[in-house]
Amino acid sequence: MHRLLKYSVFTLLCCFMACNNERDPFEISKQHVGLLTDSTQVKDLKLVFPNDSIVKRIGGDEFTGNKNNIEILDKIGKQLLLLEPSEALDSTSVFETVQIIDERYKTDKNITVLSTFKDITDNYKISRIDNLINSIVVTVKSINASFTIDKKELPSNLRIDMDLQIEATHIPDNAKIKYFFINWH
C-alpha cells in the first residue's frame, strides 16, 4: 500500500509539472514568440500554427534578392504576426525578425503593442535609441526587442534634427509604440 501511495504521488507530481511546462501561445521572450522559436524553420510553420492561416507573399524576390514576409492570421483573419525569414525562397531558413501585431502577445513583464514608453523603461533597461527620419527605435537587448515610436510622439523641437542624440529623458512617458519587433540572428 505504501508503495502504491508513493507511485500515485509521483504520478500526480509528474502530471502537475507537465501541465505547468506548457508554453503560453502569446508569451514573448528572448528566444520565442508564443510557440515560434529562434530556430523554427519556414517549413515548420504549419506545425507551430496548426489552427492559423499562413500567408506567404512571393513576388519577384528571385530577381531582387529581397526577403518575403510571411503573415500569420488567426481563424477569423486577424493578423497576429509578420515574420521575415533570414533567406528568401528557402524553406530551411529561420526567422530574422518577428513583428508583433496582435495585442495578446506580451512579454513576461506585460509589454504589448499597446504599451507606452514608460511601460518599457519601468520594466527593461534601454540598450540603445536610434534617431531616424520619422521615428525613433528603442532597443532592449535583454529580450532582443526593438520598439518604433513615431516622432509625432516627441516634443516638436526633437522631431526634425536627425543628428540629435535622443535620450530616454527626451521621450514622453505616454509615447505609444508604433511597431514592436523581436530580432533574431
C-alpha atoms as a PDB file:
ATOM      1  CA  MET A   1       0.000   0.000   0.000  1.00  0.00           C
ATOM      2  CA  HIS A   2       2.826   2.379   0.909  1.00  0.00           C
ATOM      3  CA  ARG A   3       4.463   1.741  -2.489  1.00  0.00           C
ATOM      4  CA  LEU A   4       1.159   2.405  -4.298  1.00  0.00           C
ATOM      5  CA  LEU A   5       0.766   5.711  -2.442  1.00  0.00           C
ATOM      6  CA  LYS A   6       4.319   6.757  -3.407  1.00  0.00           C
ATOM      7  CA  TYR A   7       3.643   5.830  -7.025  1.00  0.00           C
ATOM      8  CA  SER A   8       0.371   7.800  -7.036  1.00  0.00           C
ATOM      9  CA  VAL A   9       2.003  10.891  -5.537  1.00  0.00           C
ATOM     10  CA  PHE A  10       4.892  10.623  -8.022  1.00  0.00           C
ATOM     11  CA  THR A  11       2.464  10.285 -10.957  1.00  0.00           C
ATOM     12  CA  LEU A  12       0.406  13.285  -9.808  1.00  0.00           C
ATOM     13  CA  LEU A  13       3.571  15.353  -9.363  1.00  0.00           C
ATOM     14  CA  CYS A  14       4.769  14.462 -12.874  1.00  0.00           C
ATOM     15  CA  CYS A  15       1.374  15.365 -14.364  1.00  0.00           C
ATOM     16  CA  PHE A  16       1.329  18.661 -12.483  1.00  0.00           C
ATOM     17  CA  MET A  17       4.843  19.551 -13.699  1.00  0.00           C
ATOM     18  CA  ALA A  18       3.985  18.597 -17.281  1.00  0.00           C
ATOM     19  CA  CYS A  19       0.912  20.827 -17.230  1.00  0.00           C
ATOM     20  CA  ASN A  20       2.924  23.757 -15.890  1.00  0.00           C
ATOM     21  CA  ASN A  21       5.536  23.404 -18.652  1.00  0.00           C
ATOM     22  CA  GLU A  22       3.044  24.101 -21.419  1.00  0.00           C
ATOM     23  CA  ARG A  23       4.059  27.322 -23.151  1.00  0.00           C
ATOM     24  CA  ASP A  24       1.662  30.250 -23.347  1.00  0.00           C
ATOM     25  CA  PRO A  25       0.901  30.722 -27.076  1.00  0.00           C
ATOM     26  CA  PHE A  26       1.101  34.516 -26.625  1.00  0.00           C
ATOM     27  CA  GLU A  27       4.207  34.813 -24.429  1.00  0.00           C
ATOM     28  CA  ILE A  28       7.233  36.710 -25.767  1.00  0.00           C
ATOM     29  CA  SER A  29      10.774  36.037 -24.576  1.00  0.00           C
ATOM     30  CA  LYS A  30      14.282  36.499 -25.941  1.00  0.00           C
ATOM     31  CA  GLN A  31      14.147  33.225 -27.886  1.00  0.00           C
ATOM     32  CA  HIS A  32      10.459  32.672 -28.601  1.00  0.00           C
ATOM     33  CA  VAL A  33       7.218  34.356 -29.573  1.00  0.00           C
ATOM     34  CA  GLY A  34       4.460  32.028 -28.477  1.00  0.00           C
ATOM     35  CA  LEU A  35       5.350  28.626 -29.924  1.00  0.00           C
ATOM     36  CA  LEU A  36       7.637  30.132 -32.584  1.00  0.00           C
ATOM     37  CA  THR A  37      11.322  29.939 -31.612  1.00  0.00           C
ATOM     38  CA  ASP A  38      14.504  31.473 -32.940  1.00  0.00           C
ATOM     39  CA  SER A  39      15.329  28.084 -34.505  1.00  0.00           C
ATOM     40  CA  THR A  40      11.943  27.458 -36.185  1.00  0.00           C
ATOM     41  CA  GLN A  41      12.316  26.993 -39.937  1.00  0.00           C
ATOM     42  CA  VAL A  42       9.905  28.297 -42.582  1.00  0.00           C
ATOM     43  CA  LYS A  43       8.927  24.714 -43.498  1.00  0.00           C
ATOM     44  CA  ASP A  44       7.783  24.071 -39.897  1.00  0.00           C
ATOM     45  CA  LEU A  45       5.277  26.924 -39.633  1.00  0.00           C
ATOM     46  CA  LYS A  46       2.250  24.622 -40.099  1.00  0.00           C
ATOM     47  CA  LEU A  47       3.367  22.681 -37.016  1.00  0.00           C
ATOM     48  CA  VAL A  48       3.750  25.865 -34.956  1.00  0.00           C
ATOM     49  CA  PHE A  49       0.481  27.458 -36.152  1.00  0.00           C
ATOM     50  CA  PRO A  50      -1.796  24.460 -36.954  1.00  0.00           C
ATOM     51  CA  ASN A  51      -5.048  26.408 -36.447  1.00  0.00           C
ATOM     52  CA  ASP A  52      -3.953  29.683 -38.035  1.00  0.00           C
ATOM     53  CA  SER A  53      -3.508  30.863 -41.607  1.00  0.00           C
ATOM     54  CA  ILE A  54      -0.038  31.307 -43.043  1.00  0.00           C
ATOM     55  CA  VAL A  55       0.173  33.774 -45.923  1.00  0.00           C
ATOM     56  CA  LYS A  56       3.394  33.723 -47.925  1.00  0.00           C
ATOM     57  CA  ARG A  57       3.791  36.539 -50.393  1.00  0.00           C
ATOM     58  CA  ILE A  58       6.116  35.663 -53.231  1.00  0.00           C
ATOM     59  CA  GLY A  59       6.608  38.444 -55.686  1.00  0.00           C
ATOM     60  CA  GLY A  60       9.747  38.658 -57.727  1.00  0.00           C
ATOM     61  CA  ASP A  61      12.313  38.310 -54.966  1.00  0.00           C
ATOM     62  CA  GLU A  62      14.168  35.711 -57.026  1.00  0.00           C
ATOM     63  CA  PHE A  63      15.366  38.676 -59.108  1.00  0.00           C
ATOM     64  CA  THR A  64      15.834  41.326 -56.432  1.00  0.00           C
ATOM     65  CA  GLY A  65      17.076  39.177 -53.565  1.00  0.00           C
ATOM     66  CA  ASN A  66      14.513  40.738 -51.228  1.00  0.00           C
ATOM     67  CA  LYS A  67      13.053  38.592 -48.469  1.00  0.00           C
ATOM     68  CA  ASN A  68       9.315  37.993 -48.458  1.00  0.00           C
ATOM     69  CA  ASN A  69       7.428  38.481 -45.226  1.00  0.00           C
ATOM     70  CA  ILE A  70       5.053  35.789 -44.017  1.00  0.00           C
ATOM     71  CA  GLU A  71       1.820  36.796 -42.302  1.00  0.00           C
ATOM     72  CA  ILE A  72       0.222  34.730 -39.563  1.00  0.00           C
ATOM     73  CA  LEU A  73      -3.551  35.245 -39.272  1.00  0.00           C
ATOM     74  CA  ASP A  74      -5.877  33.707 -36.705  1.00  0.00           C
ATOM     75  CA  LYS A  75      -9.008  31.698 -37.570  1.00  0.00           C
ATOM     76  CA  ILE A  76     -11.095  34.817 -38.172  1.00  0.00           C
ATOM     77  CA  GLY A  77      -8.471  36.529 -40.316  1.00  0.00           C
ATOM     78  CA  LYS A  78      -6.990  38.890 -37.703  1.00  0.00           C
ATOM     79  CA  GLN A  79      -3.276  39.471 -38.261  1.00  0.00           C
ATOM     80  CA  LEU A  80      -1.138  38.091 -35.411  1.00  0.00           C
ATOM     81  CA  LEU A  81       2.475  38.308 -36.567  1.00  0.00           C
ATOM     82  CA  LEU A  82       4.590  39.325 -39.541  1.00  0.00           C
ATOM     83  CA  LEU A  83       7.666  37.119 -39.992  1.00  0.00           C
ATOM     84  CA  GLU A  84      10.783  37.918 -42.011  1.00  0.00           C
ATOM     85  CA  PRO A  85      12.890  34.878 -42.955  1.00  0.00           C
ATOM     86  CA  SER A  86      16.686  35.190 -42.944  1.00  0.00           C
ATOM     87  CA  GLU A  87      16.862  33.895 -46.529  1.00  0.00           C
ATOM     88  CA  ALA A  88      14.456  34.427 -49.413  1.00  0.00           C
ATOM     89  CA  LEU A  89      12.822  31.384 -51.013  1.00  0.00           C
ATOM     90  CA  ASP A  90      14.486  28.943 -48.585  1.00  0.00           C
ATOM     91  CA  SER A  91      12.188  26.598 -46.673  1.00  0.00           C
ATOM     92  CA  THR A  92      15.011  25.767 -44.226  1.00  0.00           C
ATOM     93  CA  SER A  93      15.548  29.430 -43.354  1.00  0.00           C
ATOM     94  CA  VAL A  94      14.974  30.561 -39.778  1.00  0.00           C
ATOM     95  CA  PHE A  95      13.388  33.909 -38.973  1.00  0.00           C
ATOM     96  CA  GLU A  96      15.356  37.110 -38.632  1.00  0.00           C
ATOM     97  CA  THR A  97      12.565  39.393 -37.422  1.00  0.00           C
ATOM     98  CA  VAL A  98       9.133  38.869 -35.901  1.00  0.00           C
ATOM     99  CA  GLN A  99       6.813  41.868 -35.882  1.00  0.00           C
ATOM    100  CA  ILE A 100       4.233  41.634 -33.122  1.00  0.00           C
ATOM    101  CA  ILE A 101       0.837  42.812 -34.407  1.00  0.00           C
ATOM    102  CA  ASP A 102      -1.742  41.324 -32.026  1.00  0.00           C
ATOM    103  CA  GLU A 103      -2.073  42.877 -28.569  1.00  0.00           C
ATOM    104  CA  ARG A 104      -2.445  39.444 -26.900  1.00  0.00           C
ATOM    105  CA  TYR A 105       1.288  38.828 -27.344  1.00  0.00           C
ATOM    106  CA  LYS A 106       3.143  40.038 -24.258  1.00  0.00           C
ATOM    107  CA  THR A 107       6.492  39.772 -22.527  1.00  0.00           C
ATOM    108  CA  ASP A 108       6.874  38.337 -19.035  1.00  0.00           C
ATOM    109  CA  LYS A 109       6.572  41.949 -17.842  1.00  0.00           C
ATOM    110  CA  ASN A 110       3.336  42.526 -19.802  1.00  0.00           C
ATOM    111  CA  ILE A 111       4.778  44.700 -22.577  1.00  0.00           C
ATOM    112  CA  THR A 112       2.498  44.590 -25.643  1.00  0.00           C
ATOM    113  CA  VAL A 113       1.903  46.645 -28.786  1.00  0.00           C
ATOM    114  CA  LEU A 114      -0.422  48.766 -26.622  1.00  0.00           C
ATOM    115  CA  SER A 115       2.312  49.670 -24.112  1.00  0.00           C
ATOM    116  CA  THR A 116       3.883  53.095 -23.676  1.00  0.00           C
ATOM    117  CA  PHE A 117       7.500  54.181 -23.409  1.00  0.00           C
ATOM    118  CA  LYS A 118       7.099  54.380 -19.622  1.00  0.00           C
ATOM    119  CA  ASP A 119       5.959  50.743 -19.545  1.00  0.00           C
ATOM    120  CA  ILE A 120       9.165  49.772 -21.341  1.00  0.00           C
ATOM    121  CA  THR A 121      11.511  51.859 -19.152  1.00  0.00           C
ATOM    122  CA  ASP A 122       9.814  50.711 -15.945  1.00  0.00           C
ATOM    123  CA  ASN A 123      10.475  47.079 -16.864  1.00  0.00           C
ATOM    124  CA  TYR A 124      13.603  46.898 -19.033  1.00  0.00           C
ATOM    125  CA  LYS A 125      16.979  48.546 -19.465  1.00  0.00           C
ATOM    126  CA  ILE A 126      17.160  50.530 -22.718  1.00  0.00           C
ATOM    127  CA  SER A 127      20.223  49.429 -24.714  1.00  0.00           C
ATOM    128  CA  ARG A 128      20.090  51.996 -27.484  1.00  0.00           C
ATOM    129  CA  ILE A 129      17.919  54.700 -29.057  1.00  0.00           C
ATOM    130  CA  ASP A 130      18.261  55.362 -32.800  1.00  0.00           C
ATOM    131  CA  ASN A 131      17.071  58.620 -34.363  1.00  0.00           C
ATOM    132  CA  LEU A 132      15.544  58.021 -37.818  1.00  0.00           C
ATOM    133  CA  ILE A 133      13.715  60.327 -40.240  1.00  0.00           C
ATOM    134  CA  ASN A 134      10.145  59.896 -38.969  1.00  0.00           C
ATOM    135  CA  SER A 135      10.641  57.711 -35.913  1.00  0.00           C
ATOM    136  CA  ILE A 136      12.964  56.578 -33.177  1.00  0.00           C
ATOM    137  CA  VAL A 137      13.850  52.959 -32.441  1.00  0.00           C
ATOM    138  CA  VAL A 138      14.259  51.905 -28.825  1.00  0.00           C
ATOM    139  CA  THR A 139      16.282  48.699 -28.431  1.00  0.00           C
ATOM    140  CA  VAL A 140      16.084  46.335 -25.448  1.00  0.00           C
ATOM    141  CA  LYS A 141      18.798  43.709 -25.923  1.00  0.00           C
ATOM    142  CA  SER A 142      17.779  41.636 -22.896  1.00  0.00           C
ATOM    143  CA  ILE A 143      14.719  40.428 -24.854  1.00  0.00           C
ATOM    144  CA  ASN A 144      16.019  41.008 -28.416  1.00  0.00           C
ATOM    145  CA  ALA A 145      13.305  43.626 -28.893  1.00  0.00           C
ATOM    146  CA  SER A 146      13.032  46.909 -30.698  1.00  0.00           C
ATOM    147  CA  PHE A 147      10.186  49.362 -30.399  1.00  0.00           C
ATOM    148  CA  THR A 148       9.499  52.016 -33.012  1.00  0.00           C
ATOM    149  CA  ILE A 149       7.967  55.249 -31.753  1.00  0.00           C
ATOM    150  CA  ASP A 150       6.670  57.847 -34.210  1.00  0.00           C
ATOM    151  CA  LYS A 151       8.414  61.216 -33.871  1.00  0.00           C
ATOM    152  CA  LYS A 152       4.957  62.801 -33.628  1.00  0.00           C
ATOM    153  CA  GLU A 153       5.030  61.464 -30.038  1.00  0.00           C
ATOM    154  CA  LEU A 154       8.108  63.618 -29.272  1.00  0.00           C
ATOM    155  CA  PRO A 155       8.238  67.316 -28.405  1.00  0.00           C
ATOM    156  CA  SER A 156       8.283  69.387 -31.612  1.00  0.00           C
ATOM    157  CA  ASN A 157      11.880  70.568 -31.118  1.00  0.00           C
ATOM    158  CA  LEU A 158      13.126  66.940 -31.325  1.00  0.00           C
ATOM    159  CA  ARG A 159      11.303  65.870 -34.487  1.00  0.00           C
ATOM    160  CA  ILE A 160      13.451  67.338 -37.279  1.00  0.00           C
ATOM    161  CA  ASP A 161      17.145  67.048 -36.390  1.00  0.00           C
ATOM    162  CA  MET A 162      18.306  63.517 -37.270  1.00  0.00           C
ATOM    163  CA  ASP A 163      21.783  64.236 -35.874  1.00  0.00           C
ATOM    164  CA  LEU A 164      20.346  64.906 -32.426  1.00  0.00           C
ATOM    165  CA  GLN A 165      21.199  62.230 -29.859  1.00  0.00           C
ATOM    166  CA  ILE A 166      17.796  61.261 -28.442  1.00  0.00           C
ATOM    167  CA  GLU A 167      17.954  60.262 -24.774  1.00  0.00           C
ATOM    168  CA  ALA A 168      15.338  58.359 -22.791  1.00  0.00           C
ATOM    169  CA  THR A 169      14.608  61.535 -20.824  1.00  0.00           C
ATOM    170  CA  HIS A 170      13.541  63.255 -24.083  1.00  0.00           C
ATOM    171  CA  ILE A 171      10.793  60.718 -24.772  1.00  0.00           C
ATOM    172  CA  PRO A 172       7.439  61.382 -23.067  1.00  0.00           C
ATOM    173  CA  ASP A 173       6.256  58.603 -20.738  1.00  0.00           C
ATOM    174  CA  ASN A 174       2.963  58.318 -22.634  1.00  0.00           C
ATOM    175  CA  ALA A 175       4.622  57.895 -26.072  1.00  0.00           C
ATOM    176  CA  LYS A 176       2.898  54.983 -27.813  1.00  0.00           C
ATOM    177  CA  ILE A 177       4.622  52.095 -29.539  1.00  0.00           C
ATOM    178  CA  LYS A 178       4.068  52.129 -33.298  1.00  0.00           C
ATOM    179  CA  TYR A 179       5.875  48.839 -34.048  1.00  0.00           C
ATOM    180  CA  PHE A 180       7.169  46.054 -31.815  1.00  0.00           C
ATOM    181  CA  PHE A 181       9.798  43.644 -33.170  1.00  0.00           C
ATOM    182  CA  ILE A 182      11.718  40.659 -31.847  1.00  0.00           C
ATOM    183  CA  ASN A 183      15.053  40.345 -33.666  1.00  0.00           C
ATOM    184  CA  TRP A 184      16.925  37.051 -34.047  1.00  0.00           C
ATOM    185  CA  HIS A 185      20.171  36.089 -35.816  1.00  0.00           C
END
